Amino acid sequence: MSLIKKSEVATISAIEIYNKPDFKYREETFALLALNAWELLLKVKVLAENANNARSI
């Protein structure tokens, strides 16, 4: 699975968790998943700027 797709899945998961009113620790779980999505997007940007060189991450 590509990093962009993983980021998309993490974002959707964060939103789904946040929309569940009876889910314990939903704010914390949302924050972790949203942060993970941003991290993945940052990695995609770094890779794009460095000719997909994995060592650049």
PDB file of N, CA and C in Angstrom:
ATOM      1  N   MET A   1       0.847  -1.169   0.000  1.00  0.00           N
ATOM      2  CA  MET A   1       0.000   0.000   0.000  1.00  0.00           C
ATOM      3  C   MET A   1       0.898   1.238   0.000  1.00  0.00           C
ATOM      4  N   SER A   2       0.548   2.201  -0.825  1.00  0.00           N
ATOM      5  CA  SER A   2       1.371   3.413  -0.935  1.00  0.00           C
ATOM      6  C   SER A   2       1.205   4.298   0.308  1.00  0.00           C
ATOM      7  N   LEU A   3       2.176   5.182   0.502  1.00  0.00           N
ATOM      8  CA  LEU A   3       2.117   6.076   1.658  1.00  0.00           C
ATOM      9  C   LEU A   3       0.929   7.031   1.569  1.00  0.00           C
ATOM     10  N   ILE A   4       0.584   7.449   0.351  1.00  0.00           N
ATOM     11  CA  ILE A   4      -0.578   8.344   0.179  1.00  0.00           C
ATOM     12  C   ILE A   4      -1.852   7.620   0.596  1.00  0.00           C
ATOM     13  N   LYS A   5      -1.989   6.381   0.168  1.00  0.00           N
ATOM     14  CA  LYS A   5      -3.178   5.597   0.513  1.00  0.00           C
ATOM     15  C   LYS A   5      -3.230   5.356   2.023  1.00  0.00           C
ATOM     16  N   LYS A   6      -2.092   5.067   2.637  1.00  0.00           N
ATOM     17  CA  LYS A   6      -2.061   4.862   4.089  1.00  0.00           C
ATOM     18  C   LYS A   6      -2.469   6.139   4.813  1.00  0.00           C
ATOM     19  N   SER A   7      -2.027   7.281   4.310  1.00  0.00           N
ATOM     20  CA  SER A   7      -2.397   8.558   4.900  1.00  0.00           C
ATOM     21  C   SER A   7      -3.905   8.782   4.796  1.00  0.00           C
ATOM     22  N   GLU A   8      -4.454   8.464   3.654  1.00  0.00           N
ATOM     23  CA  GLU A   8      -5.891   8.606   3.452  1.00  0.00           C
ATOM     24  C   GLU A   8      -6.673   7.706   4.414  1.00  0.00           C
ATOM     25  N   VAL A   9      -6.220   6.469   4.557  1.00  0.00           N
ATOM     26  CA  VAL A   9      -6.887   5.520   5.451  1.00  0.00           C
ATOM     27  C   VAL A   9      -6.787   5.993   6.905  1.00  0.00           C
ATOM     28  N   ALA A  10      -5.633   6.503   7.295  1.00  0.00           N
ATOM     29  CA  ALA A  10      -5.456   7.001   8.664  1.00  0.00           C
ATOM     30  C   ALA A  10      -6.376   8.193   8.928  1.00  0.00           C
ATOM     31  N   THR A  11      -6.518   9.080   7.945  1.00  0.00           N
ATOM     32  CA  THR A  11      -7.398  10.239   8.103  1.00  0.00           C
ATOM     33  C   THR A  11      -8.850   9.805   8.240  1.00  0.00           C
ATOM     34  N   ILE A  12      -9.282   8.913   7.396  1.00  0.00           N
ATOM     35  CA  ILE A  12     -10.663   8.419   7.456  1.00  0.00           C
ATOM     36  C   ILE A  12     -10.911   7.695   8.778  1.00  0.00           C
ATOM     37  N   SER A  13      -9.961   6.908   9.219  1.00  0.00           N
ATOM     38  CA  SER A  13     -10.091   6.215  10.498  1.00  0.00           C
ATOM     39  C   SER A  13     -10.196   7.201  11.657  1.00  0.00           C
ATOM     40  N   ALA A  14      -9.393   8.257  11.609  1.00  0.00           N
ATOM     41  CA  ALA A  14      -9.437   9.278  12.661  1.00  0.00           C
ATOM     42  C   ALA A  14     -10.824   9.917  12.722  1.00  0.00           C
ATOM     43  N   ILE A  15     -11.365  10.245  11.569  1.00  0.00           N
ATOM     44  CA  ILE A  15     -12.690  10.872  11.522  1.00  0.00           C
ATOM     45  C   ILE A  15     -13.762   9.909  12.013  1.00  0.00           C
ATOM     46  N   GLU A  16     -13.672   8.647  11.591  1.00  0.00           N
ATOM     47  CA  GLU A  16     -14.657   7.658  12.036  1.00  0.00           C
ATOM     48  C   GLU A  16     -14.619   7.473  13.552  1.00  0.00           C
ATOM     49  N   ILE A  17     -13.438   7.406  14.117  1.00  0.00           N
ATOM     50  CA  ILE A  17     -13.305   7.255  15.567  1.00  0.00           C
ATOM     51  C   ILE A  17     -13.870   8.476  16.279  1.00  0.00           C
ATOM     52  N   TYR A  18     -13.555   9.663  15.772  1.00  0.00           N
ATOM     53  CA  TYR A  18     -14.019  10.891  16.420  1.00  0.00           C
ATOM     54  C   TYR A  18     -15.541  11.006  16.394  1.00  0.00           C
ATOM     55  N   ASN A  19     -16.169  10.460  15.373  1.00  0.00           N
ATOM     56  CA  ASN A  19     -17.623  10.540  15.242  1.00  0.00           C
ATOM     57  C   ASN A  19     -18.363   9.516  16.081  1.00  0.00           C
ATOM     58  N   LYS A  20     -17.657   8.676  16.810  1.00  0.00           N
ATOM     59  CA  LYS A  20     -18.306   7.698  17.695  1.00  0.00           C
ATOM     60  C   LYS A  20     -18.381   8.298  19.098  1.00  0.00           C
ATOM     61  N   PRO A  21     -19.559   8.733  19.524  1.00  0.00           N
ATOM     62  CA  PRO A  21     -19.664   9.441  20.803  1.00  0.00           C
ATOM     63  C   PRO A  21     -19.384   8.574  22.032  1.00  0.00           C
ATOM     64  N   ASP A  22     -19.545   7.280  21.934  1.00  0.00           N
ATOM     65  CA  ASP A  22     -19.352   6.424  23.103  1.00  0.00           C
ATOM     66  C   ASP A  22     -17.988   5.723  23.112  1.00  0.00           C
ATOM     67  N   PHE A  23     -17.082   6.123  22.219  1.00  0.00           N
ATOM     68  CA  PHE A  23     -15.754   5.508  22.124  1.00  0.00           C
ATOM     69  C   PHE A  23     -14.838   6.146  23.166  1.00  0.00           C
ATOM     70  N   LYS A  24     -14.319   5.335  24.077  1.00  0.00           N
ATOM     71  CA  LYS A  24     -13.423   5.859  25.108  1.00  0.00           C
ATOM     72  C   LYS A  24     -12.105   6.294  24.468  1.00  0.00           C
ATOM     73  N   TYR A  25     -11.534   7.376  24.968  1.00  0.00           N
ATOM     74  CA  TYR A  25     -10.275   7.940  24.466  1.00  0.00           C
ATOM     75  C   TYR A  25     -10.371   8.348  22.996  1.00  0.00           C
ATOM     76  N   ARG A  26     -11.546   8.767  22.561  1.00  0.00           N
ATOM     77  CA  ARG A  26     -11.700   9.096  21.140  1.00  0.00           C
ATOM     78  C   ARG A  26     -10.868  10.292  20.727  1.00  0.00           C
ATOM     79  N   GLU A  27     -10.750  11.304  21.585  1.00  0.00           N
ATOM     80  CA  GLU A  27      -9.938  12.474  21.231  1.00  0.00           C
ATOM     81  C   GLU A  27      -8.473  12.101  21.086  1.00  0.00           C
ATOM     82  N   GLU A  28      -7.974  11.289  22.006  1.00  0.00           N
ATOM     83  CA  GLU A  28      -6.579  10.872  21.955  1.00  0.00           C
ATOM     84  C   GLU A  28      -6.305   9.996  20.735  1.00  0.00           C
ATOM     85  N   THR A  29      -7.232   9.086  20.453  1.00  0.00           N
ATOM     86  CA  THR A  29      -7.084   8.206  19.289  1.00  0.00           C
ATOM     87  C   THR A  29      -7.153   9.011  17.994  1.00  0.00           C
ATOM     88  N   PHE A  30      -8.078   9.973  17.951  1.00  0.00           N
ATOM     89  CA  PHE A  30      -8.168  10.842  16.786  1.00  0.00           C
ATOM     90  C   PHE A  30      -6.853  11.580  16.563  1.00  0.00           C
ATOM     91  N   ALA A  31      -6.305  12.142  17.637  1.00  0.00           N
ATOM     92  CA  ALA A  31      -5.063  12.906  17.519  1.00  0.00           C
ATOM     93  C   ALA A  31      -3.922  12.043  17.006  1.00  0.00           C
ATOM     94  N   LEU A  32      -3.807  10.826  17.522  1.00  0.00           N
ATOM     95  CA  LEU A  32      -2.731   9.933  17.075  1.00  0.00           C
ATOM     96  C   LEU A  32      -2.885   9.551  15.606  1.00  0.00           C
ATOM     97  N   LEU A  33      -4.091   9.221  15.195  1.00  0.00           N
ATOM     98  CA  LEU A  33      -4.310   8.843  13.794  1.00  0.00           C
ATOM     99  C   LEU A  33      -4.117  10.035  12.856  1.00  0.00           C
ATOM    100  N   ALA A  34      -4.586  11.204  13.258  1.00  0.00           N
ATOM    101  CA  ALA A  34      -4.412  12.400  12.426  1.00  0.00           C
ATOM    102  C   ALA A  34      -2.932  12.763  12.310  1.00  0.00           C
ATOM    103  N   LEU A  35      -2.209  12.656  13.404  1.00  0.00           N
ATOM    104  CA  LEU A  35      -0.772  12.930  13.376  1.00  0.00           C
ATOM    105  C   LEU A  35      -0.052  11.939  12.468  1.00  0.00           C
ATOM    106  N   ASN A  36      -0.444  10.681  12.537  1.00  0.00           N
ATOM    107  CA  ASN A  36       0.140   9.662  11.671  1.00  0.00           C
ATOM    108  C   ASN A  36      -0.119   9.979  10.199  1.00  0.00           C
ATOM    109  N   ALA A  37      -1.317  10.441   9.889  1.00  0.00           N
ATOM    110  CA  ALA A  37      -1.651  10.802   8.503  1.00  0.00           C
ATOM    111  C   ALA A  37      -0.765  11.939   8.009  1.00  0.00           C
ATOM    112  N   TRP A  38      -0.548  12.963   8.843  1.00  0.00           N
ATOM    113  CA  TRP A  38       0.314  14.086   8.461  1.00  0.00           C
ATOM    114  C   TRP A  38       1.755  13.626   8.290  1.00  0.00           C
ATOM    115  N   GLU A  39       2.208  12.737   9.167  1.00  0.00           N
ATOM    116  CA  GLU A  39       3.580  12.223   9.051  1.00  0.00           C
ATOM    117  C   GLU A  39       3.775  11.490   7.730  1.00  0.00           C
ATOM    118  N   LEU A  40       2.799  10.692   7.351  1.00  0.00           N
ATOM    119  CA  LEU A  40       2.888   9.960   6.087  1.00  0.00           C
ATOM    120  C   LEU A  40       2.916  10.922   4.903  1.00  0.00           C
ATOM    121  N   LEU A  41       2.097  11.970   4.955  1.00  0.00           N
ATOM    122  CA  LEU A  41       2.117  12.962   3.876  1.00  0.00           C
ATOM    123  C   LEU A  41       3.455  13.678   3.800  1.00  0.00           C
ATOM    124  N   LEU A  42       4.037  13.979   4.945  1.00  0.00           N
ATOM    125  CA  LEU A  42       5.355  14.614   4.965  1.00  0.00           C
ATOM    126  C   LEU A  42       6.399  13.693   4.323  1.00  0.00           C
ATOM    127  N   LYS A  43       6.320  12.412   4.624  1.00  0.00           N
ATOM    128  CA  LYS A  43       7.256  11.457   4.014  1.00  0.00           C
ATOM    129  C   LYS A  43       7.089  11.413   2.507  1.00  0.00           C
ATOM    130  N   VAL A  44       5.846  11.472   2.027  1.00  0.00           N
ATOM    131  CA  VAL A  44       5.593  11.490   0.585  1.00  0.00           C
ATOM    132  C   VAL A  44       6.237  12.724  -0.039  1.00  0.00           C
ATOM    133  N   LYS A  45       6.096  13.873   0.609  1.00  0.00           N
ATOM    134  CA  LYS A  45       6.694  15.113   0.085  1.00  0.00           C
ATOM    135  C   LYS A  45       8.214  15.018   0.048  1.00  0.00           C
ATOM    136  N   VAL A  46       8.813  14.502   1.119  1.00  0.00           N
ATOM    137  CA  VAL A  46      10.270  14.361   1.166  1.00  0.00           C
ATOM    138  C   VAL A  46      10.743  13.411   0.066  1.00  0.00           C
ATOM    139  N   LEU A  47      10.046  12.311  -0.100  1.00  0.00           N
ATOM    140  CA  LEU A  47      10.418  11.365  -1.155  1.00  0.00           C
ATOM    141  C   LEU A  47      10.291  12.003  -2.537  1.00  0.00           C
ATOM    142  N   ALA A  48       9.222  12.750  -2.760  1.00  0.00           N
ATOM    143  CA  ALA A  48       9.014  13.395  -4.054  1.00  0.00           C
ATOM    144  C   ALA A  48      10.106  14.399  -4.373  1.00  0.00           C
ATOM    145  N   GLU A  49      10.584  15.090  -3.356  1.00  0.00           N
ATOM    146  CA  GLU A  49      11.640  16.082  -3.558  1.00  0.00           C
ATOM    147  C   GLU A  49      13.023  15.466  -3.682  1.00  0.00           C
ATOM    148  N   ASN A  50      13.167  14.194  -3.350  1.00  0.00           N
ATOM    149  CA  ASN A  50      14.462  13.536  -3.374  1.00  0.00           C
ATOM    150  C   ASN A  50      14.480  12.296  -4.281  1.00  0.00           C
ATOM    151  N   ALA A  51      13.748  12.368  -5.357  1.00  0.00           N
ATOM    152  CA  ALA A  51      13.745  11.314  -6.376  1.00  0.00           C
ATOM    153  C   ALA A  51      13.461   9.927  -5.800  1.00  0.00           C
ATOM    154  N   ASN A  52      12.518   9.860  -4.886  1.00  0.00           N
ATOM    155  CA  ASN A  52      12.099   8.598  -4.248  1.00  0.00           C
ATOM    156  C   ASN A  52      13.256   7.857  -3.564  1.00  0.00           C
ATOM    157  N   ASN A  53      14.217   8.603  -3.081  1.00  0.00           N
ATOM    158  CA  ASN A  53      15.328   8.010  -2.345  1.00  0.00           C
ATOM    159  C   ASN A  53      14.878   7.748  -0.910  1.00  0.00           C
ATOM    160  N   ALA A  54      14.705   6.479  -0.551  1.00  0.00           N
ATOM    161  CA  ALA A  54      14.208   6.112   0.785  1.00  0.00           C
ATOM    162  C   ALA A  54      15.131   6.586   1.895  1.00  0.00           C
ATOM    163  N   ARG A  55      16.397   6.769   1.591  1.00  0.00           N
ATOM    164  CA  ARG A  55      17.345   7.223   2.619  1.00  0.00           C
ATOM    165  C   ARG A  55      17.103   8.674   3.009  1.00  0.00           C
ATOM    166  N   SER A  56      16.302   9.379   2.235  1.00  0.00           N
ATOM    167  CA  SER A  56      16.025  10.789   2.543  1.00  0.00           C
ATOM    168  C   SER A  56      15.027  10.953   3.685  1.00  0.00           C
ATOM    169  N   ILE A  57      14.370   9.879   4.024  1.00  0.00           N
ATOM    170  CA  ILE A  57      13.362   9.976   5.098  1.00  0.00           C
ATOM    171  C   ILE A  57      14.055   9.913   6.425  1.00  0.00           C
TER     172      ILE A  57
END
